[in-house]
Amino acid sequence: MASVATLLTGATENTGFKGIAGRFDRRNLLSFGVGIQGTMAFVRTDTGAGVQATLDSGVVPVDPAMPGLLQRLLSHAASPDEAGQFRILWQERVRRMLVDHADDPRLVRLATLNDRPDA
């Protein structure tokens, strides 16, 4: 999830873009364990206004074959065909999240962040 946040915002822990002429530094803007209620929060550095996002991936059901295939993969017992089937099912679930449920308010919920986690 941190990689997704970095892709969306450019924020990093202590690596990344150092800015231009003292501006636009994206380092030290990604924090962990800050006590939010959601899955992740986004806070403006200029105003302190923020939002917390909560992901409920259970809104998009898992194909019934996936748990068994995952166990076989993790135990190194899956055949190449089973591994391929798992990849297809995984990508199909991701597609359903991003396309079929793009406007589903249950998948991602946003709430105003009243208190800054670093305040």
C-alpha atoms as a PDB file:
ATOM      1  CA  MET A   1       0.000   0.000   0.000  1.00  0.00           C
ATOM      2  CA  ALA A   2       2.875   2.355   0.681  1.00  0.00           C
ATOM      3  CA  SER A   3       4.003   1.912  -2.922  1.00  0.00           C
ATOM      4  CA  VAL A   4       0.544   2.921  -4.121  1.00  0.00           C
ATOM      5  CA  ALA A   5       0.604   6.011  -1.882  1.00  0.00           C
ATOM      6  CA  THR A   6       4.033   6.913  -3.259  1.00  0.00           C
ATOM      7  CA  LEU A   7       2.802   6.508  -6.842  1.00  0.00           C
ATOM      8  CA  LEU A   8      -0.232   8.707  -6.141  1.00  0.00           C
ATOM      9  CA  THR A   9       1.484  11.450  -4.158  1.00  0.00           C
ATOM     10  CA  GLY A  10       5.238  11.160  -4.652  1.00  0.00           C
ATOM     11  CA  ALA A  11       5.624  11.043  -0.861  1.00  0.00           C
ATOM     12  CA  THR A  12       8.419   8.811   0.444  1.00  0.00           C
ATOM     13  CA  GLU A  13       9.882   7.919   3.820  1.00  0.00           C
ATOM     14  CA  ASN A  14      13.456   9.143   3.482  1.00  0.00           C
ATOM     15  CA  THR A  15      14.331   8.479  -0.148  1.00  0.00           C
ATOM     16  CA  GLY A  16      12.974   9.898  -3.347  1.00  0.00           C
ATOM     17  CA  PHE A  17      12.680  13.270  -4.975  1.00  0.00           C
ATOM     18  CA  LYS A  18      14.796  15.910  -3.207  1.00  0.00           C
ATOM     19  CA  GLY A  19      13.007  18.843  -4.799  1.00  0.00           C
ATOM     20  CA  ILE A  20      14.054  21.796  -6.902  1.00  0.00           C
ATOM     21  CA  ALA A  21      15.637  24.909  -5.401  1.00  0.00           C
ATOM     22  CA  GLY A  22      14.422  23.986  -1.929  1.00  0.00           C
ATOM     23  CA  ARG A  23      10.841  23.286  -3.057  1.00  0.00           C
ATOM     24  CA  PHE A  24       8.829  20.150  -3.849  1.00  0.00           C
ATOM     25  CA  ASP A  25      10.840  17.827  -1.566  1.00  0.00           C
ATOM     26  CA  ARG A  26       8.838  14.577  -1.277  1.00  0.00           C
ATOM     27  CA  ARG A  27      11.112  12.914   1.302  1.00  0.00           C
ATOM     28  CA  ASN A  28       9.911  12.272   4.867  1.00  0.00           C
ATOM     29  CA  LEU A  29       6.261  12.701   3.906  1.00  0.00           C
ATOM     30  CA  LEU A  30       5.313   9.019   4.213  1.00  0.00           C
ATOM     31  CA  SER A  31       4.732   7.846   7.794  1.00  0.00           C
ATOM     32  CA  PHE A  32       3.706   4.567   9.382  1.00  0.00           C
ATOM     33  CA  GLY A  33       2.001   3.771  12.689  1.00  0.00           C
ATOM     34  CA  VAL A  34       0.446   7.201  13.183  1.00  0.00           C
ATOM     35  CA  GLY A  35      -2.807   5.989  14.764  1.00  0.00           C
ATOM     36  CA  ILE A  36      -5.376   6.676  12.066  1.00  0.00           C
ATOM     37  CA  GLN A  37      -8.712   4.874  11.902  1.00  0.00           C
ATOM     38  CA  GLY A  38      -8.619   4.167   8.157  1.00  0.00           C
ATOM     39  CA  THR A  39      -6.339   2.170   5.895  1.00  0.00           C
ATOM     40  CA  MET A  40      -4.299   5.262   5.011  1.00  0.00           C
ATOM     41  CA  ALA A  41      -4.570   9.014   5.344  1.00  0.00           C
ATOM     42  CA  PHE A  42      -3.614  11.899   3.103  1.00  0.00           C
ATOM     43  CA  VAL A  43      -2.774  15.227   4.752  1.00  0.00           C
ATOM     44  CA  ARG A  44      -1.960  18.485   2.999  1.00  0.00           C
ATOM     45  CA  THR A  45       1.352  19.894   4.166  1.00  0.00           C
ATOM     46  CA  ASP A  46       0.243  23.502   3.639  1.00  0.00           C
ATOM     47  CA  THR A  47      -3.155  23.537   5.422  1.00  0.00           C
ATOM     48  CA  GLY A  48      -3.157  20.350   7.508  1.00  0.00           C
ATOM     49  CA  ALA A  49      -6.506  19.367   5.983  1.00  0.00           C
ATOM     50  CA  GLY A  50      -6.765  15.663   5.446  1.00  0.00           C
ATOM     51  CA  VAL A  51      -8.812  12.648   4.572  1.00  0.00           C
ATOM     52  CA  GLN A  52      -8.552   9.043   5.661  1.00  0.00           C
ATOM     53  CA  ALA A  53      -9.345   6.273   3.226  1.00  0.00           C
ATOM     54  CA  THR A  54     -10.600   2.827   4.164  1.00  0.00           C
ATOM     55  CA  LEU A  55     -10.451  -0.054   1.678  1.00  0.00           C
ATOM     56  CA  ASP A  56     -12.922  -2.930   2.006  1.00  0.00           C
ATOM     57  CA  SER A  57     -11.690  -5.426  -0.587  1.00  0.00           C
ATOM     58  CA  GLY A  58     -14.324  -7.905   0.645  1.00  0.00           C
ATOM     59  CA  VAL A  59     -16.830  -5.982  -1.464  1.00  0.00           C
ATOM     60  CA  VAL A  60     -15.347  -7.798  -4.475  1.00  0.00           C
ATOM     61  CA  PRO A  61     -15.671 -11.528  -3.819  1.00  0.00           C
ATOM     62  CA  VAL A  62     -12.715 -13.857  -4.213  1.00  0.00           C
ATOM     63  CA  ASP A  63     -13.143 -16.605  -6.787  1.00  0.00           C
ATOM     64  CA  PRO A  64     -13.731 -19.845  -4.829  1.00  0.00           C
ATOM     65  CA  ALA A  65     -10.708 -21.489  -6.485  1.00  0.00           C
ATOM     66  CA  MET A  66      -8.270 -18.810  -5.271  1.00  0.00           C
ATOM     67  CA  PRO A  67      -7.728 -19.892  -1.640  1.00  0.00           C
ATOM     68  CA  GLY A  68      -6.820 -23.451  -2.623  1.00  0.00           C
ATOM     69  CA  LEU A  69      -4.563 -22.278  -5.427  1.00  0.00           C
ATOM     70  CA  LEU A  70      -2.852 -19.818  -3.093  1.00  0.00           C
ATOM     71  CA  GLN A  71      -2.161 -22.567  -0.552  1.00  0.00           C
ATOM     72  CA  ARG A  72      -0.678 -24.753  -3.276  1.00  0.00           C
ATOM     73  CA  LEU A  73       1.502 -21.861  -4.468  1.00  0.00           C
ATOM     74  CA  LEU A  74       2.725 -21.053  -0.957  1.00  0.00           C
ATOM     75  CA  SER A  75       3.607 -24.684  -0.299  1.00  0.00           C
ATOM     76  CA  HIS A  76       5.411 -24.951  -3.663  1.00  0.00           C
ATOM     77  CA  ALA A  77       2.986 -27.701  -4.748  1.00  0.00           C
ATOM     78  CA  ALA A  78       1.271 -25.769  -7.563  1.00  0.00           C
ATOM     79  CA  SER A  79       1.798 -26.815 -11.148  1.00  0.00           C
ATOM     80  CA  PRO A  80       2.661 -24.162 -13.742  1.00  0.00           C
ATOM     81  CA  ASP A  81      -0.960 -24.337 -14.951  1.00  0.00           C
ATOM     82  CA  GLU A  82      -2.254 -23.755 -11.407  1.00  0.00           C
ATOM     83  CA  ALA A  83       0.109 -20.818 -10.973  1.00  0.00           C
ATOM     84  CA  GLY A  84      -1.155 -19.372 -14.245  1.00  0.00           C
ATOM     85  CA  GLN A  85      -4.769 -19.888 -13.204  1.00  0.00           C
ATOM     86  CA  PHE A  86      -4.114 -18.071  -9.912  1.00  0.00           C
ATOM     87  CA  ARG A  87      -2.520 -15.122 -11.763  1.00  0.00           C
ATOM     88  CA  ILE A  88      -5.528 -14.879 -14.081  1.00  0.00           C
ATOM     89  CA  LEU A  89      -8.008 -15.011 -11.186  1.00  0.00           C
ATOM     90  CA  TRP A  90      -5.996 -12.429  -9.196  1.00  0.00           C
ATOM     91  CA  GLN A  91      -5.828 -10.012 -12.117  1.00  0.00           C
ATOM     92  CA  GLU A  92      -9.532 -10.498 -12.823  1.00  0.00           C
ATOM     93  CA  ARG A  93     -10.354  -9.533  -9.224  1.00  0.00           C
ATOM     94  CA  VAL A  94      -8.152  -6.449  -9.513  1.00  0.00           C
ATOM     95  CA  ARG A  95      -9.916  -5.574 -12.786  1.00  0.00           C
ATOM     96  CA  ARG A  96     -13.314  -5.929 -11.102  1.00  0.00           C
ATOM     97  CA  MET A  97     -12.166  -3.611  -8.286  1.00  0.00           C
ATOM     98  CA  LEU A  98     -10.818  -0.958 -10.658  1.00  0.00           C
ATOM     99  CA  VAL A  99     -13.466  -1.188 -13.393  1.00  0.00           C
ATOM    100  CA  ASP A 100     -16.667  -2.857 -12.223  1.00  0.00           C
ATOM    101  CA  HIS A 101     -16.546  -1.312  -8.728  1.00  0.00           C
ATOM    102  CA  ALA A 102     -14.916   2.014  -9.652  1.00  0.00           C
ATOM    103  CA  ASP A 103     -17.984   3.913  -8.396  1.00  0.00           C
ATOM    104  CA  ASP A 104     -18.909   1.549  -5.550  1.00  0.00           C
ATOM    105  CA  PRO A 105     -18.884   3.633  -2.349  1.00  0.00           C
ATOM    106  CA  ARG A 106     -18.424   0.477  -0.273  1.00  0.00           C
ATOM    107  CA  LEU A 107     -15.012  -0.358  -1.773  1.00  0.00           C
ATOM    108  CA  VAL A 108     -13.200   2.828  -0.756  1.00  0.00           C
ATOM    109  CA  ARG A 109     -14.659   5.059   1.937  1.00  0.00           C
ATOM    110  CA  LEU A 110     -13.329   8.536   2.625  1.00  0.00           C
ATOM    111  CA  ALA A 111     -13.733  10.498   5.855  1.00  0.00           C
ATOM    112  CA  THR A 112     -12.419  13.875   6.932  1.00  0.00           C
ATOM    113  CA  LEU A 113      -9.342  13.641   9.092  1.00  0.00           C
ATOM    114  CA  ASN A 114     -10.195  15.940  11.988  1.00  0.00           C
ATOM    115  CA  ASP A 115      -6.896  15.742  13.807  1.00  0.00           C
ATOM    116  CA  ARG A 116      -3.539  15.656  12.081  1.00  0.00           C
ATOM    117  CA  PRO A 117      -1.680  12.476  13.087  1.00  0.00           C
ATOM    118  CA  ASP A 118       1.527  14.456  13.574  1.00  0.00           C
ATOM    119  CA  ALA A 119      -0.024  17.383  15.452  1.00  0.00           C
END
